[in-house]
Amino acid sequence: MTYNSAEVIAQFLSSVPADIEVVVVDNNSQDASIQIARDHGARVIEMPRNMGFGAACNRGAAGNDKEFVFFCNPDSTLTPACCALLIEAAQKHPRAGAMNPAILNGKGDLRLDRRSALISRSEYTDRRYAAPGNKDSVQVNILTGAALFCRQSAFDEVGGFDEDIFLYHEDDDLVFRMRQAGWTLRIEHGATVTHLGGKSSGTAIQGAAMKAYFIAQSRMYVERRHGVSFPGLRAWARAFVKLLSPLTVLSARKRAQALAYLNGTRRFEMSRYQEGDYMPPGSGLEK
């Protein structure tokens, strides 16, 4: 999925093996993302407006007649053997509904999303799997959507991404539903992706605030959907903890994030009593 990703999309597309079909779903970019994708031989689906991460991914996977679908952020780079190793692992573990490769940051350190609002502390991924040089294949209870390799049948069975989630936590929701349906989740450390992170969404104060706003709303939504206890109280507590943190006083960025998180919480609570979408699209931020 692209949204104003011209700065990074060429590097990603160049890293994809030639025998892999690439579909780029563009969320109404205003830069050269579409042309660059076409120049690299990708099939482009143009969205009429920014419809969010999950909706774009669903459009890209619709009608896929392959056994697998691999969702990648455009600010990622695949190692040459990444796709082949993921396919091999999926064939070895036929009940694996989704997998992450080892996802490295720009410094080469492993990013490990251990937690989720939808799983208990006892289900968090063990920290030892983030050890340098770890090549183990492991079953886990949560995955990240930054580079998410799915079995198409598992993806279809649970209905794909929830399009009522505009941005953030849609990956938690998807893989949680896969687990509920009896599929397993895995991390395959032999396959590697480098994810720069934030290159498509920017790092300005306004971008950080938008991210906080949508994170607040998405988390409340998935907690309510999956029966997490006291989601409203939890949300307000998180909002006020962020607002009252000493870091908020010292940093304009943190201040903007805290206020946006509080506003997102307030708007979500208000929208539950109104008709229409609980999150109006338009931020253009990616994961």
C-alpha atoms as a PDB file:
ATOM      1  CA  MET A   1       0.000   0.000   0.000  1.00  0.00           C
ATOM      2  CA  THR A   2       1.356   3.426  -0.915  1.00  0.00           C
ATOM      3  CA  TYR A   3       0.496   6.944   0.108  1.00  0.00           C
ATOM      4  CA  ASN A   4       2.949   9.602  -1.047  1.00  0.00           C
ATOM      5  CA  SER A   5       5.683   6.949  -0.973  1.00  0.00           C
ATOM      6  CA  ALA A   6       7.742   8.107  -3.952  1.00  0.00           C
ATOM      7  CA  GLU A   7      10.843   8.526  -1.773  1.00  0.00           C
ATOM      8  CA  VAL A   8      10.981   4.818  -0.865  1.00  0.00           C
ATOM      9  CA  ILE A   9       8.866   2.714  -3.231  1.00  0.00           C
ATOM     10  CA  ALA A  10      11.541   2.237  -5.934  1.00  0.00           C
ATOM     11  CA  GLN A  11      13.986   0.665  -3.475  1.00  0.00           C
ATOM     12  CA  PHE A  12      11.292  -1.717  -2.228  1.00  0.00           C
ATOM     13  CA  LEU A  13      10.183  -2.778  -5.703  1.00  0.00           C
ATOM     14  CA  SER A  14      13.787  -3.345  -6.779  1.00  0.00           C
ATOM     15  CA  SER A  15      14.196  -5.798  -3.881  1.00  0.00           C
ATOM     16  CA  VAL A  16      11.260  -8.013  -4.910  1.00  0.00           C
ATOM     17  CA  PRO A  17      12.262 -11.119  -6.914  1.00  0.00           C
ATOM     18  CA  ALA A  18      11.296 -10.971 -10.578  1.00  0.00           C
ATOM     19  CA  ASP A  19       9.051 -14.037 -10.353  1.00  0.00           C
ATOM     20  CA  ILE A  20       6.835 -12.481  -7.656  1.00  0.00           C
ATOM     21  CA  GLU A  21       3.684 -10.682  -8.810  1.00  0.00           C
ATOM     22  CA  VAL A  22       3.548  -7.223  -7.261  1.00  0.00           C
ATOM     23  CA  VAL A  23       0.317  -5.320  -6.690  1.00  0.00           C
ATOM     24  CA  VAL A  24       0.602  -1.734  -5.456  1.00  0.00           C
ATOM     25  CA  VAL A  25      -2.591  -0.258  -4.027  1.00  0.00           C
ATOM     26  CA  ASP A  26      -2.285   3.514  -3.927  1.00  0.00           C
ATOM     27  CA  ASN A  27      -4.376   5.511  -1.467  1.00  0.00           C
ATOM     28  CA  ASN A  28      -4.691   8.600  -3.679  1.00  0.00           C
ATOM     29  CA  SER A  29      -1.054   9.743  -3.535  1.00  0.00           C
ATOM     30  CA  GLN A  30      -0.253  13.253  -4.654  1.00  0.00           C
ATOM     31  CA  ASP A  31       3.342  12.450  -5.617  1.00  0.00           C
ATOM     32  CA  ALA A  32       4.979  10.155  -8.180  1.00  0.00           C
ATOM     33  CA  SER A  33       4.271   6.885  -6.321  1.00  0.00           C
ATOM     34  CA  ILE A  34       1.966   5.487  -9.021  1.00  0.00           C
ATOM     35  CA  GLN A  35       4.283   6.241 -11.930  1.00  0.00           C
ATOM     36  CA  ILE A  36       7.296   4.774 -10.134  1.00  0.00           C
ATOM     37  CA  ALA A  37       5.337   1.607  -9.358  1.00  0.00           C
ATOM     38  CA  ARG A  38       4.308   1.235 -12.992  1.00  0.00           C
ATOM     39  CA  ASP A  39       7.854   1.886 -14.174  1.00  0.00           C
ATOM     40  CA  HIS A  40       8.939  -1.085 -12.051  1.00  0.00           C
ATOM     41  CA  GLY A  41       6.309  -3.368 -13.605  1.00  0.00           C
ATOM     42  CA  ALA A  42       3.889  -3.457 -10.692  1.00  0.00           C
ATOM     43  CA  ARG A  43       0.150  -3.719 -11.235  1.00  0.00           C
ATOM     44  CA  VAL A  44      -1.362  -0.588  -9.700  1.00  0.00           C
ATOM     45  CA  ILE A  45      -4.794  -0.261  -8.129  1.00  0.00           C
ATOM     46  CA  GLU A  46      -5.734   3.385  -7.624  1.00  0.00           C
ATOM     47  CA  MET A  47      -8.078   4.137  -4.730  1.00  0.00           C
ATOM     48  CA  PRO A  48     -10.431   7.118  -5.198  1.00  0.00           C
ATOM     49  CA  ARG A  49      -9.438   8.479  -1.791  1.00  0.00           C
ATOM     50  CA  ASN A  50      -7.345   7.494   1.197  1.00  0.00           C
ATOM     51  CA  MET A  51      -9.357   4.573   2.565  1.00  0.00           C
ATOM     52  CA  GLY A  52      -6.850   3.384   5.141  1.00  0.00           C
ATOM     53  CA  PHE A  53      -4.332   0.589   5.456  1.00  0.00           C
ATOM     54  CA  GLY A  54      -6.657  -2.395   5.833  1.00  0.00           C
ATOM     55  CA  ALA A  55      -9.038  -1.412   3.054  1.00  0.00           C
ATOM     56  CA  ALA A  56      -6.138  -0.959   0.647  1.00  0.00           C
ATOM     57  CA  CYS A  57      -4.650  -4.331   1.583  1.00  0.00           C
ATOM     58  CA  ASN A  58      -8.015  -6.011   1.065  1.00  0.00           C
ATOM     59  CA  ARG A  59      -8.255  -4.555  -2.443  1.00  0.00           C
ATOM     60  CA  GLY A  60      -4.802  -5.822  -3.242  1.00  0.00           C
ATOM     61  CA  ALA A  61      -5.582  -9.353  -2.045  1.00  0.00           C
ATOM     62  CA  ALA A  62      -9.016  -9.536  -3.708  1.00  0.00           C
ATOM     63  CA  GLY A  63      -9.104 -12.164  -6.427  1.00  0.00           C
ATOM     64  CA  ASN A  64      -5.628 -13.475  -5.624  1.00  0.00           C
ATOM     65  CA  ASP A  65      -5.364 -16.969  -7.079  1.00  0.00           C
ATOM     66  CA  LYS A  66      -2.002 -17.686  -5.447  1.00  0.00           C
ATOM     67  CA  GLU A  67      -1.599 -19.688  -2.245  1.00  0.00           C
ATOM     68  CA  PHE A  68      -0.001 -16.821  -0.359  1.00  0.00           C
ATOM     69  CA  VAL A  69      -0.178 -13.024  -0.102  1.00  0.00           C
ATOM     70  CA  PHE A  70       2.580 -10.870   1.378  1.00  0.00           C
ATOM     71  CA  PHE A  71       1.649  -7.411   2.724  1.00  0.00           C
ATOM     72  CA  CYS A  72       4.656  -5.070   2.898  1.00  0.00           C
ATOM     73  CA  ASN A  73       5.089  -1.423   3.742  1.00  0.00           C
ATOM     74  CA  PRO A  74       6.739   0.496   0.887  1.00  0.00           C
ATOM     75  CA  ASP A  75       9.607   1.608   3.145  1.00  0.00           C
ATOM     76  CA  SER A  76      10.803  -2.003   3.357  1.00  0.00           C
ATOM     77  CA  THR A  77      13.533  -3.933   1.559  1.00  0.00           C
ATOM     78  CA  LEU A  78      13.467  -7.709   1.101  1.00  0.00           C
ATOM     79  CA  THR A  79      16.538  -9.899   1.154  1.00  0.00           C
ATOM     80  CA  PRO A  80      16.791 -12.025  -2.021  1.00  0.00           C
ATOM     81  CA  ALA A  81      15.725 -15.286  -0.338  1.00  0.00           C
ATOM     82  CA  CYS A  82      13.010 -13.788   1.881  1.00  0.00           C
ATOM     83  CA  CYS A  83       9.942 -14.831  -0.123  1.00  0.00           C
ATOM     84  CA  ALA A  84      11.271 -18.302  -0.916  1.00  0.00           C
ATOM     85  CA  LEU A  85      12.059 -18.956   2.748  1.00  0.00           C
ATOM     86  CA  LEU A  86       8.603 -17.814   3.856  1.00  0.00           C
ATOM     87  CA  ILE A  87       6.933 -20.070   1.286  1.00  0.00           C
ATOM     88  CA  GLU A  88       9.090 -22.991   2.412  1.00  0.00           C
ATOM     89  CA  ALA A  89       8.187 -22.358   6.057  1.00  0.00           C
ATOM     90  CA  ALA A  90       4.464 -22.092   5.235  1.00  0.00           C
ATOM     91  CA  GLN A  91       4.582 -25.415   3.422  1.00  0.00           C
ATOM     92  CA  LYS A  92       6.352 -26.968   6.394  1.00  0.00           C
ATOM     93  CA  HIS A  93       3.679 -25.609   8.777  1.00  0.00           C
ATOM     94  CA  PRO A  94       0.329 -26.034   6.964  1.00  0.00           C
ATOM     95  CA  ARG A  95      -1.704 -24.616   9.862  1.00  0.00           C
ATOM     96  CA  ALA A  96       0.294 -21.379   9.903  1.00  0.00           C
ATOM     97  CA  GLY A  97      -2.165 -18.693   8.850  1.00  0.00           C
ATOM     98  CA  ALA A  98       0.315 -15.813   8.968  1.00  0.00           C
ATOM     99  CA  MET A  99       4.007 -15.220   9.533  1.00  0.00           C
ATOM    100  CA  ASN A 100       6.486 -12.419  10.004  1.00  0.00           C
ATOM    101  CA  PRO A 101      10.012 -12.584   8.698  1.00  0.00           C
ATOM    102  CA  ALA A 102      12.725 -11.155  10.904  1.00  0.00           C
ATOM    103  CA  ILE A 103      12.062  -7.414  10.603  1.00  0.00           C
ATOM    104  CA  LEU A 104      15.177  -5.280  11.006  1.00  0.00           C
ATOM    105  CA  ASN A 105      15.400  -1.530  11.485  1.00  0.00           C
ATOM    106  CA  GLY A 106      17.775   0.681   9.541  1.00  0.00           C
ATOM    107  CA  LYS A 107      20.591  -0.148  11.987  1.00  0.00           C
ATOM    108  CA  GLY A 108      20.153  -3.886  11.505  1.00  0.00           C
ATOM    109  CA  ASP A 109      18.532  -4.490  14.903  1.00  0.00           C
ATOM    110  CA  LEU A 110      15.589  -6.862  15.133  1.00  0.00           C
ATOM    111  CA  ARG A 111      12.181  -5.300  15.700  1.00  0.00           C
ATOM    112  CA  LEU A 112      10.004  -7.593  17.779  1.00  0.00           C
ATOM    113  CA  ASP A 113       6.383  -6.624  18.446  1.00  0.00           C
ATOM    114  CA  ARG A 114       5.894  -8.667  21.602  1.00  0.00           C
ATOM    115  CA  ARG A 115       2.665  -7.188  22.938  1.00  0.00           C
ATOM    116  CA  SER A 116      -0.890  -6.451  21.956  1.00  0.00           C
ATOM    117  CA  ALA A 117      -3.976  -5.081  23.661  1.00  0.00           C
ATOM    118  CA  LEU A 118      -5.712  -8.320  22.644  1.00  0.00           C
ATOM    119  CA  ILE A 119      -3.463 -10.853  24.377  1.00  0.00           C
ATOM    120  CA  SER A 120      -2.534 -11.411  28.001  1.00  0.00           C
ATOM    121  CA  ARG A 121       0.896 -10.708  29.430  1.00  0.00           C
ATOM    122  CA  SER A 122       1.584 -14.451  29.602  1.00  0.00           C
ATOM    123  CA  GLU A 123       1.121 -14.627  25.818  1.00  0.00           C
ATOM    124  CA  TYR A 124       3.698 -11.937  24.977  1.00  0.00           C
ATOM    125  CA  THR A 125       6.501 -13.102  22.701  1.00  0.00           C
ATOM    126  CA  ASP A 126       9.604 -14.092  24.653  1.00  0.00           C
ATOM    127  CA  ARG A 127      12.390 -11.505  24.492  1.00  0.00           C
ATOM    128  CA  ARG A 128      14.983 -14.159  23.677  1.00  0.00           C
ATOM    129  CA  TYR A 129      13.672 -14.265  20.123  1.00  0.00           C
ATOM    130  CA  ALA A 130      15.086 -10.772  19.641  1.00  0.00           C
ATOM    131  CA  ALA A 131      18.623 -11.979  20.444  1.00  0.00           C
ATOM    132  CA  PRO A 132      21.208 -11.040  17.791  1.00  0.00           C
ATOM    133  CA  GLY A 133      21.846 -13.870  15.353  1.00  0.00           C
ATOM    134  CA  ASN A 134      18.761 -15.841  16.351  1.00  0.00           C
ATOM    135  CA  LYS A 135      17.644 -17.994  13.409  1.00  0.00           C
ATOM    136  CA  ASP A 136      14.945 -19.966  15.211  1.00  0.00           C
ATOM    137  CA  SER A 137      11.487 -20.496  13.763  1.00  0.00           C
ATOM    138  CA  VAL A 138       8.936 -19.982  16.496  1.00  0.00           C
ATOM    139  CA  GLN A 139       5.182 -20.017  17.029  1.00  0.00           C
ATOM    140  CA  VAL A 140       3.910 -16.801  18.626  1.00  0.00           C
ATOM    141  CA  ASN A 141       0.611 -15.179  19.598  1.00  0.00           C
ATOM    142  CA  ILE A 142       0.872 -11.824  17.819  1.00  0.00           C
ATOM    143  CA  LEU A 143       2.417 -10.418  14.637  1.00  0.00           C
ATOM    144  CA  THR A 144       2.981  -7.021  13.050  1.00  0.00           C
ATOM    145  CA  GLY A 145       1.512  -5.872   9.748  1.00  0.00           C
ATOM    146  CA  ALA A 146       4.722  -4.149   8.597  1.00  0.00           C
ATOM    147  CA  ALA A 147       5.684  -7.311   6.676  1.00  0.00           C
ATOM    148  CA  LEU A 148       2.870  -9.843   7.024  1.00  0.00           C
ATOM    149  CA  PHE A 149       2.954 -13.062   5.002  1.00  0.00           C
ATOM    150  CA  CYS A 150      -0.480 -14.740   4.951  1.00  0.00           C
ATOM    151  CA  ARG A 151      -1.946 -17.943   3.643  1.00  0.00           C
ATOM    152  CA  GLN A 152      -4.670 -16.661   1.316  1.00  0.00           C
ATOM    153  CA  SER A 153      -7.189 -19.264   2.533  1.00  0.00           C
ATOM    154  CA  ALA A 154      -6.693 -18.176   6.158  1.00  0.00           C
ATOM    155  CA  PHE A 155      -6.965 -14.509   5.188  1.00  0.00           C
ATOM    156  CA  ASP A 156     -10.208 -15.187   3.299  1.00  0.00           C
ATOM    157  CA  GLU A 157     -11.655 -17.385   6.036  1.00  0.00           C
ATOM    158  CA  VAL A 158     -11.560 -14.578   8.606  1.00  0.00           C
ATOM    159  CA  GLY A 159     -12.722 -11.926   6.134  1.00  0.00           C
ATOM    160  CA  GLY A 160      -9.446 -10.063   5.697  1.00  0.00           C
ATOM    161  CA  PHE A 161      -8.690  -6.779   7.420  1.00  0.00           C
ATOM    162  CA  ASP A 162     -11.524  -5.004   9.220  1.00  0.00           C
ATOM    163  CA  GLU A 163     -12.160  -1.926   7.070  1.00  0.00           C
ATOM    164  CA  ASP A 164     -13.779  -0.094   9.992  1.00  0.00           C
ATOM    165  CA  ILE A 165     -10.217   0.335  11.278  1.00  0.00           C
ATOM    166  CA  PHE A 166      -8.617   3.156   9.329  1.00  0.00           C
ATOM    167  CA  LEU A 167      -5.105   2.829  10.681  1.00  0.00           C
ATOM    168  CA  TYR A 168      -3.221   0.958  13.445  1.00  0.00           C
ATOM    169  CA  HIS A 169      -4.190  -2.203  15.348  1.00  0.00           C
ATOM    170  CA  GLU A 170      -5.750  -3.699  12.208  1.00  0.00           C
ATOM    171  CA  ASP A 171      -2.914  -6.221  12.147  1.00  0.00           C
ATOM    172  CA  ASP A 172      -3.545  -7.248  15.778  1.00  0.00           C
ATOM    173  CA  ASP A 173      -7.216  -7.697  14.990  1.00  0.00           C
ATOM    174  CA  LEU A 174      -6.555  -9.789  11.866  1.00  0.00           C
ATOM    175  CA  VAL A 175      -4.110 -12.251  13.386  1.00  0.00           C
ATOM    176  CA  PHE A 176      -6.153 -12.499  16.591  1.00  0.00           C
ATOM    177  CA  ARG A 177      -9.121 -13.626  14.497  1.00  0.00           C
ATOM    178  CA  MET A 178      -6.900 -16.123  12.704  1.00  0.00           C
ATOM    179  CA  ARG A 179      -5.926 -17.631  16.040  1.00  0.00           C
ATOM    180  CA  GLN A 180      -9.575 -17.784  17.047  1.00  0.00           C
ATOM    181  CA  ALA A 181     -10.274 -19.691  13.821  1.00  0.00           C
ATOM    182  CA  GLY A 182      -7.604 -22.268  14.663  1.00  0.00           C
ATOM    183  CA  TRP A 183      -4.675 -20.983  12.613  1.00  0.00           C
ATOM    184  CA  THR A 184      -1.207 -20.518  14.094  1.00  0.00           C
ATOM    185  CA  LEU A 185       1.175 -17.552  13.843  1.00  0.00           C
ATOM    186  CA  ARG A 186       4.934 -17.765  13.363  1.00  0.00           C
ATOM    187  CA  ILE A 187       8.122 -15.738  13.133  1.00  0.00           C
ATOM    188  CA  GLU A 188      10.597 -17.092  10.589  1.00  0.00           C
ATOM    189  CA  HIS A 189      13.947 -15.582  11.481  1.00  0.00           C
ATOM    190  CA  GLY A 190      15.716 -17.020   8.435  1.00  0.00           C
ATOM    191  CA  ALA A 191      13.716 -14.701   6.164  1.00  0.00           C
ATOM    192  CA  THR A 192      14.660 -11.042   6.557  1.00  0.00           C
ATOM    193  CA  VAL A 193      13.107  -7.664   5.771  1.00  0.00           C
ATOM    194  CA  THR A 194      14.570  -4.263   6.564  1.00  0.00           C
ATOM    195  CA  HIS A 195      11.881  -1.777   7.534  1.00  0.00           C
ATOM    196  CA  LEU A 196      12.966   1.838   7.848  1.00  0.00           C
ATOM    197  CA  GLY A 197       9.765   2.861   9.637  1.00  0.00           C
ATOM    198  CA  GLY A 198       8.193   6.284   9.479  1.00  0.00           C
ATOM    199  CA  LYS A 199       9.596   7.122   6.033  1.00  0.00           C
ATOM    200  CA  SER A 200       6.141   7.113   4.472  1.00  0.00           C
ATOM    201  CA  SER A 201       4.318   8.858   7.289  1.00  0.00           C
ATOM    202  CA  GLY A 202       6.887  11.496   8.144  1.00  0.00           C
ATOM    203  CA  THR A 203       8.288  12.518  11.497  1.00  0.00           C
ATOM    204  CA  ALA A 204       6.890  16.035  11.895  1.00  0.00           C
ATOM    205  CA  ILE A 205       4.922  17.034  14.971  1.00  0.00           C
ATOM    206  CA  GLN A 206       1.693  17.041  12.971  1.00  0.00           C
ATOM    207  CA  GLY A 207       2.365  13.517  11.721  1.00  0.00           C
ATOM    208  CA  ALA A 208       3.126  12.282  15.242  1.00  0.00           C
ATOM    209  CA  ALA A 209      -0.127  13.804  16.486  1.00  0.00           C
ATOM    210  CA  MET A 210      -2.147  12.185  13.697  1.00  0.00           C
ATOM    211  CA  LYS A 211      -0.588   8.827  14.525  1.00  0.00           C
ATOM    212  CA  ALA A 212      -1.513   9.191  18.208  1.00  0.00           C
ATOM    213  CA  TYR A 213      -5.084  10.161  17.304  1.00  0.00           C
ATOM    214  CA  PHE A 214      -5.657   7.063  15.178  1.00  0.00           C
ATOM    215  CA  ILE A 215      -3.875   4.739  17.594  1.00  0.00           C
ATOM    216  CA  ALA A 216      -6.226   5.864  20.379  1.00  0.00           C
ATOM    217  CA  GLN A 217      -9.321   5.223  18.304  1.00  0.00           C
ATOM    218  CA  SER A 218      -8.179   1.940  16.790  1.00  0.00           C
ATOM    219  CA  ARG A 219      -7.189   0.477  20.129  1.00  0.00           C
ATOM    220  CA  MET A 220     -10.540   1.351  21.658  1.00  0.00           C
ATOM    221  CA  TYR A 221     -12.297  -0.210  18.690  1.00  0.00           C
ATOM    222  CA  VAL A 222     -10.436  -3.539  18.797  1.00  0.00           C
ATOM    223  CA  GLU A 223     -10.730  -3.765  22.585  1.00  0.00           C
ATOM    224  CA  ARG A 224     -14.497  -3.332  22.376  1.00  0.00           C
ATOM    225  CA  ARG A 225     -14.769  -5.737  19.441  1.00  0.00           C
ATOM    226  CA  HIS A 226     -12.935  -8.495  21.275  1.00  0.00           C
ATOM    227  CA  GLY A 227     -14.407  -8.028  24.725  1.00  0.00           C
ATOM    228  CA  VAL A 228     -11.471  -6.533  26.616  1.00  0.00           C
ATOM    229  CA  SER A 229     -12.739  -5.487  30.040  1.00  0.00           C
ATOM    230  CA  PHE A 230     -13.401  -1.788  30.738  1.00  0.00           C
ATOM    231  CA  PRO A 231     -12.088  -0.467  27.404  1.00  0.00           C
ATOM    232  CA  GLY A 232     -13.422   3.040  28.005  1.00  0.00           C
ATOM    233  CA  LEU A 233     -11.793   3.415  31.419  1.00  0.00           C
ATOM    234  CA  ARG A 234      -8.559   1.956  30.091  1.00  0.00           C
ATOM    235  CA  ALA A 235      -8.550   4.433  27.214  1.00  0.00           C
ATOM    236  CA  TRP A 236      -9.142   7.478  29.385  1.00  0.00           C
ATOM    237  CA  ALA A 237      -6.462   6.314  31.834  1.00  0.00           C
ATOM    238  CA  ARG A 238      -3.935   5.940  29.008  1.00  0.00           C
ATOM    239  CA  ALA A 239      -4.825   9.372  27.659  1.00  0.00           C
ATOM    240  CA  PHE A 240      -4.357  11.142  30.995  1.00  0.00           C
ATOM    241  CA  VAL A 241      -1.139   9.285  31.822  1.00  0.00           C
ATOM    242  CA  LYS A 242       0.313  10.530  28.524  1.00  0.00           C
ATOM    243  CA  LEU A 243      -0.958  14.053  29.147  1.00  0.00           C
ATOM    244  CA  LEU A 244       0.459  14.255  32.695  1.00  0.00           C
ATOM    245  CA  SER A 245       3.849  12.713  31.908  1.00  0.00           C
ATOM    246  CA  PRO A 246       6.862  14.976  32.636  1.00  0.00           C
ATOM    247  CA  LEU A 247       8.037  14.280  29.087  1.00  0.00           C
ATOM    248  CA  THR A 248       4.941  16.091  27.826  1.00  0.00           C
ATOM    249  CA  VAL A 249       6.082  19.304  29.505  1.00  0.00           C
ATOM    250  CA  LEU A 250       9.549  19.093  27.999  1.00  0.00           C
ATOM    251  CA  SER A 251       8.697  18.120  24.425  1.00  0.00           C
ATOM    252  CA  ALA A 252       6.400  19.843  21.925  1.00  0.00           C
ATOM    253  CA  ARG A 253       6.149  16.566  20.016  1.00  0.00           C
ATOM    254  CA  LYS A 254       5.079  14.628  23.112  1.00  0.00           C
ATOM    255  CA  ARG A 255       2.609  17.375  23.969  1.00  0.00           C
ATOM    256  CA  ALA A 256       1.030  17.166  20.540  1.00  0.00           C
ATOM    257  CA  GLN A 257       0.858  13.371  20.767  1.00  0.00           C
ATOM    258  CA  ALA A 258      -0.733  13.424  24.213  1.00  0.00           C
ATOM    259  CA  LEU A 259      -3.373  15.975  23.225  1.00  0.00           C
ATOM    260  CA  ALA A 260      -4.135  14.080  20.005  1.00  0.00           C
ATOM    261  CA  TYR A 261      -4.460  10.791  21.918  1.00  0.00           C
ATOM    262  CA  LEU A 262      -6.892  12.460  24.331  1.00  0.00           C
ATOM    263  CA  ASN A 263      -8.850  13.944  21.423  1.00  0.00           C
ATOM    264  CA  GLY A 264      -8.975  10.580  19.653  1.00  0.00           C
ATOM    265  CA  THR A 265     -10.330   8.948  22.802  1.00  0.00           C
ATOM    266  CA  ARG A 266     -12.962  11.657  23.226  1.00  0.00           C
ATOM    267  CA  ARG A 267     -14.042  11.543  19.580  1.00  0.00           C
ATOM    268  CA  PHE A 268     -14.370   7.766  19.613  1.00  0.00           C
ATOM    269  CA  GLU A 269     -16.585   7.834  22.706  1.00  0.00           C
ATOM    270  CA  MET A 270     -18.767  10.532  21.126  1.00  0.00           C
ATOM    271  CA  SER A 271     -19.006   8.706  17.794  1.00  0.00           C
ATOM    272  CA  ARG A 272     -20.333   5.541  19.391  1.00  0.00           C
ATOM    273  CA  TYR A 273     -23.602   7.409  19.840  1.00  0.00           C
ATOM    274  CA  GLN A 274     -23.693   8.730  16.296  1.00  0.00           C
ATOM    275  CA  GLU A 275     -24.187   7.181  12.884  1.00  0.00           C
ATOM    276  CA  GLY A 276     -21.335   6.783  10.417  1.00  0.00           C
ATOM    277  CA  ASP A 277     -17.709   5.784  10.606  1.00  0.00           C
ATOM    278  CA  TYR A 278     -16.000   6.189  13.928  1.00  0.00           C
ATOM    279  CA  MET A 279     -12.772   7.336  12.231  1.00  0.00           C
ATOM    280  CA  PRO A 280     -13.025   9.687   9.261  1.00  0.00           C
ATOM    281  CA  PRO A 281     -10.239   8.785   6.828  1.00  0.00           C
ATOM    282  CA  GLY A 282      -7.697  11.217   5.528  1.00  0.00           C
ATOM    283  CA  SER A 283      -4.450  11.112   7.528  1.00  0.00           C
ATOM    284  CA  GLY A 284      -2.517   9.173   4.896  1.00  0.00           C
ATOM    285  CA  LEU A 285      -0.267   7.775   7.591  1.00  0.00           C
ATOM    286  CA  GLU A 286       1.037   4.245   7.212  1.00  0.00           C
ATOM    287  CA  LYS A 287       2.020   1.701   9.857  1.00  0.00           C
END
